[in-house]
Amino acid sequence: MNRLKQLREEFNMTQQELANKLDCAKSSIAMYEKGSRKPSLDILIKLAECFNCSIDYILNLSEVRSNDHFHDPFGLSEMGINIQDYTPPTYKQKEQLAELIKIFLKDNKK
């Protein structure tokens, strides 16, 4: 599973750190990455949540990382902002973003 290793390294995680997040052994992560063992559905779901991507992407069944990029109501990609380049905002950041969006879009309200 080269994709799993790629994602893990992209998130700057060691095999042990990922194993801790998934509540499994480091050796399991190593075997998943080598392709000598296949992760269970439960582990795949946890991996998809951890890396914010689809299970198909993890399994190399799709080049589309997630369906989230299809939903861009504010046209961020047109402004050069690729949301996939960022980790999800914290709760506090979401609150701050909501306030900023309300200010910027107040004249656009239906």
N, C-alpha and C. Protein backbone atom coordinates (compact mmCIF):
# COMPACT_ATOMS: atom_id res chain seq x y z
N MET A 1 0.84 -1.19 0.00
CA MET A 1 0.00 0.00 0.00
C MET A 1 0.88 1.25 0.00
N ASN A 2 1.42 1.59 -1.14
CA ASN A 2 2.25 2.78 -1.24
C ASN A 2 1.47 4.03 -0.86
N ARG A 3 0.20 4.06 -1.15
CA ARG A 3 -0.62 5.24 -0.87
C ARG A 3 -0.66 5.52 0.63
N LEU A 4 -0.76 4.47 1.43
CA LEU A 4 -0.79 4.64 2.87
C LEU A 4 0.51 5.26 3.36
N LYS A 5 1.63 4.78 2.87
CA LYS A 5 2.92 5.35 3.27
C LYS A 5 3.02 6.81 2.84
N GLN A 6 2.56 7.08 1.63
CA GLN A 6 2.57 8.45 1.10
C GLN A 6 1.76 9.39 2.01
N LEU A 7 0.57 8.95 2.38
CA LEU A 7 -0.28 9.76 3.24
C LEU A 7 0.35 9.95 4.63
N ARG A 8 0.86 8.87 5.17
CA ARG A 8 1.48 8.94 6.50
C ARG A 8 2.64 9.93 6.50
N GLU A 9 3.48 9.87 5.47
CA GLU A 9 4.62 10.78 5.38
C GLU A 9 4.16 12.21 5.12
N GLU A 10 3.12 12.37 4.33
CA GLU A 10 2.57 13.70 4.06
C GLU A 10 2.09 14.37 5.34
N PHE A 11 1.57 13.56 6.25
CA PHE A 11 1.09 14.07 7.53
C PHE A 11 2.19 14.07 8.60
N ASN A 12 3.43 13.81 8.16
CA ASN A 12 4.60 13.79 9.05
C ASN A 12 4.39 12.88 10.25
N MET A 13 3.90 11.69 9.98
CA MET A 13 3.65 10.73 11.05
C MET A 13 4.59 9.54 10.91
N THR A 14 5.05 9.03 12.04
CA THR A 14 5.81 7.78 12.02
C THR A 14 4.82 6.63 12.00
N GLN A 15 5.32 5.44 11.72
CA GLN A 15 4.45 4.27 11.76
C GLN A 15 3.89 4.09 13.17
N GLN A 16 4.70 4.36 14.18
CA GLN A 16 4.24 4.22 15.56
C GLN A 16 3.13 5.21 15.89
N GLU A 17 3.28 6.45 15.43
CA GLU A 17 2.25 7.46 15.68
C GLU A 17 0.93 7.07 15.02
N LEU A 18 1.01 6.57 13.80
CA LEU A 18 -0.21 6.14 13.12
C LEU A 18 -0.82 4.93 13.83
N ALA A 19 0.01 4.01 14.24
CA ALA A 19 -0.47 2.83 14.97
C ALA A 19 -1.19 3.26 16.25
N ASN A 20 -0.63 4.25 16.94
CA ASN A 20 -1.28 4.73 18.16
C ASN A 20 -2.65 5.32 17.86
N LYS A 21 -2.76 6.10 16.76
CA LYS A 21 -4.04 6.70 16.39
C LYS A 21 -5.08 5.62 16.05
N LEU A 22 -4.61 4.53 15.44
CA LEU A 22 -5.53 3.48 15.00
C LEU A 22 -5.72 2.40 16.05
N ASP A 23 -4.98 2.52 17.14
CA ASP A 23 -5.03 1.52 18.21
C ASP A 23 -4.66 0.14 17.68
N CYS A 24 -3.52 0.09 16.99
CA CYS A 24 -3.03 -1.18 16.47
C CYS A 24 -1.51 -1.21 16.64
N ALA A 25 -0.89 -2.27 16.22
CA ALA A 25 0.56 -2.42 16.36
C ALA A 25 1.31 -1.74 15.21
N LYS A 26 2.51 -1.26 15.53
CA LYS A 26 3.36 -0.65 14.50
C LYS A 26 3.65 -1.65 13.39
N SER A 27 3.81 -2.91 13.76
CA SER A 27 4.09 -3.94 12.76
C SER A 27 2.94 -4.08 11.76
N SER A 28 1.70 -3.83 12.22
CA SER A 28 0.55 -3.89 11.31
C SER A 28 0.67 -2.79 10.26
N ILE A 29 1.05 -1.59 10.68
CA ILE A 29 1.22 -0.48 9.73
C ILE A 29 2.29 -0.84 8.71
N ALA A 30 3.40 -1.39 9.17
CA ALA A 30 4.49 -1.78 8.27
C ALA A 30 4.00 -2.81 7.25
N MET A 31 3.21 -3.78 7.71
CA MET A 31 2.69 -4.81 6.79
C MET A 31 1.68 -4.22 5.81
N TYR A 32 0.84 -3.26 6.26
CA TYR A 32 -0.10 -2.60 5.35
C TYR A 32 0.67 -1.87 4.26
N GLU A 33 1.72 -1.17 4.65
CA GLU A 33 2.50 -0.39 3.69
C GLU A 33 3.24 -1.29 2.71
N LYS A 34 3.70 -2.45 3.16
CA LYS A 34 4.41 -3.39 2.27
C LYS A 34 3.44 -4.19 1.41
N GLY A 35 2.17 -4.20 1.80
CA GLY A 35 1.18 -4.96 1.05
C GLY A 35 1.12 -6.43 1.46
N SER A 36 1.81 -6.79 2.54
CA SER A 36 1.79 -8.18 2.98
C SER A 36 0.58 -8.49 3.87
N ARG A 37 -0.14 -7.47 4.24
CA ARG A 37 -1.37 -7.63 5.03
C ARG A 37 -2.36 -6.56 4.60
N LYS A 38 -3.65 -6.92 4.56
CA LYS A 38 -4.68 -5.96 4.19
C LYS A 38 -5.41 -5.48 5.44
N PRO A 39 -5.64 -4.18 5.52
CA PRO A 39 -6.36 -3.66 6.69
C PRO A 39 -7.84 -4.05 6.66
N SER A 40 -8.40 -4.21 7.84
CA SER A 40 -9.82 -4.52 7.97
C SER A 40 -10.63 -3.28 7.58
N LEU A 41 -11.92 -3.48 7.40
CA LEU A 41 -12.80 -2.36 7.08
C LEU A 41 -12.76 -1.32 8.20
N ASP A 42 -12.72 -1.77 9.43
CA ASP A 42 -12.66 -0.85 10.57
C ASP A 42 -11.39 0.02 10.50
N ILE A 43 -10.27 -0.59 10.18
CA ILE A 43 -9.01 0.16 10.06
C ILE A 43 -9.07 1.10 8.86
N LEU A 44 -9.64 0.65 7.76
CA LEU A 44 -9.77 1.52 6.58
C LEU A 44 -10.60 2.76 6.88
N ILE A 45 -11.67 2.57 7.63
CA ILE A 45 -12.52 3.71 8.01
C ILE A 45 -11.72 4.69 8.87
N LYS A 46 -10.98 4.17 9.82
CA LYS A 46 -10.15 5.02 10.68
C LYS A 46 -9.09 5.75 9.87
N LEU A 47 -8.48 5.05 8.92
CA LEU A 47 -7.46 5.68 8.06
C LEU A 47 -8.07 6.82 7.24
N ALA A 48 -9.24 6.57 6.67
CA ALA A 48 -9.91 7.59 5.86
C ALA A 48 -10.23 8.82 6.71
N GLU A 49 -10.67 8.60 7.94
CA GLU A 49 -10.95 9.73 8.83
C GLU A 49 -9.67 10.45 9.22
N CYS A 50 -8.64 9.70 9.50
CA CYS A 50 -7.36 10.27 9.93
C CYS A 50 -6.75 11.15 8.84
N PHE A 51 -6.82 10.68 7.60
CA PHE A 51 -6.19 11.39 6.48
C PHE A 51 -7.18 12.21 5.66
N ASN A 52 -8.43 12.26 6.09
CA ASN A 52 -9.46 13.04 5.40
C ASN A 52 -9.51 12.72 3.90
N CYS A 53 -9.63 11.44 3.61
CA CYS A 53 -9.70 11.02 2.22
C CYS A 53 -10.62 9.80 2.12
N SER A 54 -10.87 9.38 0.91
CA SER A 54 -11.75 8.23 0.71
C SER A 54 -10.99 6.93 0.89
N ILE A 55 -11.72 5.88 1.20
CA ILE A 55 -11.12 4.54 1.29
C ILE A 55 -10.59 4.14 -0.08
N ASP A 56 -11.32 4.48 -1.14
CA ASP A 56 -10.85 4.16 -2.50
C ASP A 56 -9.49 4.79 -2.78
N TYR A 57 -9.27 5.98 -2.29
CA TYR A 57 -7.98 6.66 -2.49
C TYR A 57 -6.88 5.89 -1.75
N ILE A 58 -7.16 5.48 -0.52
CA ILE A 58 -6.17 4.72 0.25
C ILE A 58 -5.81 3.42 -0.45
N LEU A 59 -6.82 2.77 -1.03
CA LEU A 59 -6.61 1.47 -1.69
C LEU A 59 -6.12 1.60 -3.14
N ASN A 60 -5.82 2.81 -3.58
CA ASN A 60 -5.37 3.06 -4.96
C ASN A 60 -6.42 2.69 -5.99
N LEU A 61 -7.68 2.76 -5.61
CA LEU A 61 -8.76 2.48 -6.55
C LEU A 61 -9.25 3.76 -7.23
N SER A 62 -8.77 4.90 -6.72
CA SER A 62 -9.17 6.19 -7.26
C SER A 62 -8.03 7.18 -7.09
N GLU A 63 -7.93 8.09 -8.03
CA GLU A 63 -6.96 9.18 -7.91
C GLU A 63 -7.60 10.39 -7.25
N VAL A 64 -8.92 10.35 -7.06
CA VAL A 64 -9.64 11.44 -6.40
C VAL A 64 -9.48 11.23 -4.91
N ARG A 65 -8.84 12.19 -4.28
CA ARG A 65 -8.53 12.05 -2.85
C ARG A 65 -9.78 11.99 -1.99
N SER A 66 -10.72 12.87 -2.24
CA SER A 66 -11.99 12.83 -1.52
C SER A 66 -13.03 13.58 -2.33
N ASN A 67 -14.27 13.42 -1.95
CA ASN A 67 -15.34 14.12 -2.63
C ASN A 67 -15.48 15.55 -2.14
N ASP A 68 -14.75 15.89 -1.07
CA ASP A 68 -14.86 17.23 -0.50
C ASP A 68 -14.50 18.32 -1.49
N HIS A 69 -13.55 18.02 -2.39
CA HIS A 69 -13.09 19.09 -3.29
C HIS A 69 -14.14 19.48 -4.32
N PHE A 70 -15.18 18.66 -4.49
CA PHE A 70 -16.23 19.02 -5.42
C PHE A 70 -17.15 20.09 -4.83
N HIS A 71 -17.11 20.23 -3.55
CA HIS A 71 -17.98 21.18 -2.86
C HIS A 71 -17.17 22.41 -2.48
N ASP A 72 -17.28 23.44 -3.27
CA ASP A 72 -16.50 24.67 -3.04
C ASP A 72 -17.42 25.87 -3.29
N PRO A 73 -18.42 26.06 -2.42
CA PRO A 73 -19.42 27.09 -2.68
C PRO A 73 -18.88 28.52 -2.71
N PHE A 74 -17.74 28.75 -2.09
CA PHE A 74 -17.20 30.10 -2.05
C PHE A 74 -16.14 30.33 -3.12
N GLY A 75 -15.88 29.32 -3.96
CA GLY A 75 -14.92 29.49 -5.04
C GLY A 75 -13.50 29.69 -4.55
N LEU A 76 -13.14 29.04 -3.46
CA LEU A 76 -11.80 29.18 -2.91
C LEU A 76 -10.73 28.74 -3.91
N SER A 77 -11.02 27.68 -4.66
CA SER A 77 -10.04 27.20 -5.63
C SER A 77 -9.77 28.25 -6.71
N GLU A 78 -10.78 29.04 -7.05
CA GLU A 78 -10.59 30.11 -8.03
C GLU A 78 -9.69 31.22 -7.51
N MET A 79 -9.59 31.31 -6.19
CA MET A 79 -8.73 32.32 -5.55
C MET A 79 -7.35 31.75 -5.24
N GLY A 80 -7.09 30.53 -5.71
CA GLY A 80 -5.78 29.92 -5.48
C GLY A 80 -5.65 29.24 -4.13
N ILE A 81 -6.77 28.99 -3.47
CA ILE A 81 -6.72 28.32 -2.17
C ILE A 81 -7.22 26.89 -2.35
N ASN A 82 -6.30 25.94 -2.22
CA ASN A 82 -6.67 24.53 -2.30
C ASN A 82 -6.87 24.03 -0.88
N ILE A 83 -8.09 23.79 -0.52
CA ILE A 83 -8.43 23.39 0.84
C ILE A 83 -7.72 22.11 1.25
N GLN A 84 -7.34 21.28 0.28
CA GLN A 84 -6.63 20.03 0.58
C GLN A 84 -5.23 20.28 1.11
N ASP A 85 -4.72 21.49 0.93
CA ASP A 85 -3.38 21.83 1.42
C ASP A 85 -3.37 22.15 2.91
N TYR A 86 -4.53 22.18 3.53
CA TYR A 86 -4.65 22.60 4.92
C TYR A 86 -5.29 21.52 5.77
N THR A 87 -4.90 21.47 7.02
CA THR A 87 -5.57 20.57 7.95
C THR A 87 -6.93 21.19 8.30
N PRO A 88 -7.89 20.39 8.70
CA PRO A 88 -9.20 20.94 9.04
C PRO A 88 -9.09 21.96 10.19
N PRO A 89 -9.89 23.00 10.14
CA PRO A 89 -9.82 24.03 11.20
C PRO A 89 -10.33 23.48 12.53
N THR A 90 -9.81 24.07 13.59
CA THR A 90 -10.27 23.72 14.93
C THR A 90 -11.67 24.30 15.14
N TYR A 91 -12.30 23.93 16.22
CA TYR A 91 -13.63 24.47 16.53
C TYR A 91 -13.58 25.99 16.63
N LYS A 92 -12.56 26.51 17.32
CA LYS A 92 -12.42 27.96 17.49
C LYS A 92 -12.21 28.63 16.12
N GLN A 93 -11.39 28.03 15.27
CA GLN A 93 -11.17 28.59 13.95
C GLN A 93 -12.45 28.58 13.12
N LYS A 94 -13.26 27.55 13.27
CA LYS A 94 -14.54 27.49 12.56
C LYS A 94 -15.45 28.64 13.00
N GLU A 95 -15.46 28.90 14.29
CA GLU A 95 -16.26 30.02 14.80
C GLU A 95 -15.77 31.34 14.20
N GLN A 96 -14.46 31.53 14.16
CA GLN A 96 -13.88 32.75 13.61
C GLN A 96 -14.18 32.88 12.12
N LEU A 97 -14.07 31.77 11.40
CA LEU A 97 -14.38 31.78 9.97
C LEU A 97 -15.84 32.13 9.73
N ALA A 98 -16.72 31.58 10.55
CA ALA A 98 -18.15 31.86 10.40
C ALA A 98 -18.41 33.36 10.55
N GLU A 99 -17.78 33.98 11.52
CA GLU A 99 -17.96 35.42 11.73
C GLU A 99 -17.42 36.22 10.54
N LEU A 100 -16.25 35.85 10.04
CA LEU A 100 -15.68 36.55 8.89
C LEU A 100 -16.56 36.39 7.65
N ILE A 101 -17.05 35.18 7.43
CA ILE A 101 -17.90 34.93 6.27
C ILE A 101 -19.18 35.75 6.35
N LYS A 102 -19.77 35.83 7.53
CA LYS A 102 -20.98 36.64 7.71
C LYS A 102 -20.72 38.10 7.37
N ILE A 103 -19.56 38.60 7.78
CA ILE A 103 -19.20 40.00 7.48
C ILE A 103 -19.04 40.21 5.98
N PHE A 104 -18.28 39.33 5.34
CA PHE A 104 -18.00 39.48 3.92
C PHE A 104 -19.22 39.27 3.03
N LEU A 105 -20.11 38.37 3.46
CA LEU A 105 -21.24 38.02 2.60
C LEU A 105 -22.55 38.68 3.01
N LYS A 106 -22.51 39.64 3.93
CA LYS A 106 -23.75 40.25 4.43
C LYS A 106 -24.58 40.86 3.30
N ASP A 107 -23.96 41.42 2.28
CA ASP A 107 -24.69 42.02 1.17
C ASP A 107 -25.21 40.99 0.18
N ASN A 108 -24.77 39.74 0.32
CA ASN A 108 -25.19 38.67 -0.59
C ASN A 108 -26.37 37.88 -0.04
N LYS A 109 -26.82 38.20 1.15
CA LYS A 109 -27.88 37.43 1.79
C LYS A 109 -29.16 37.49 0.97
N LYS A 110 -29.81 36.36 0.81
CA LYS A 110 -31.05 36.27 0.02
C LYS A 110 -32.23 36.74 0.83
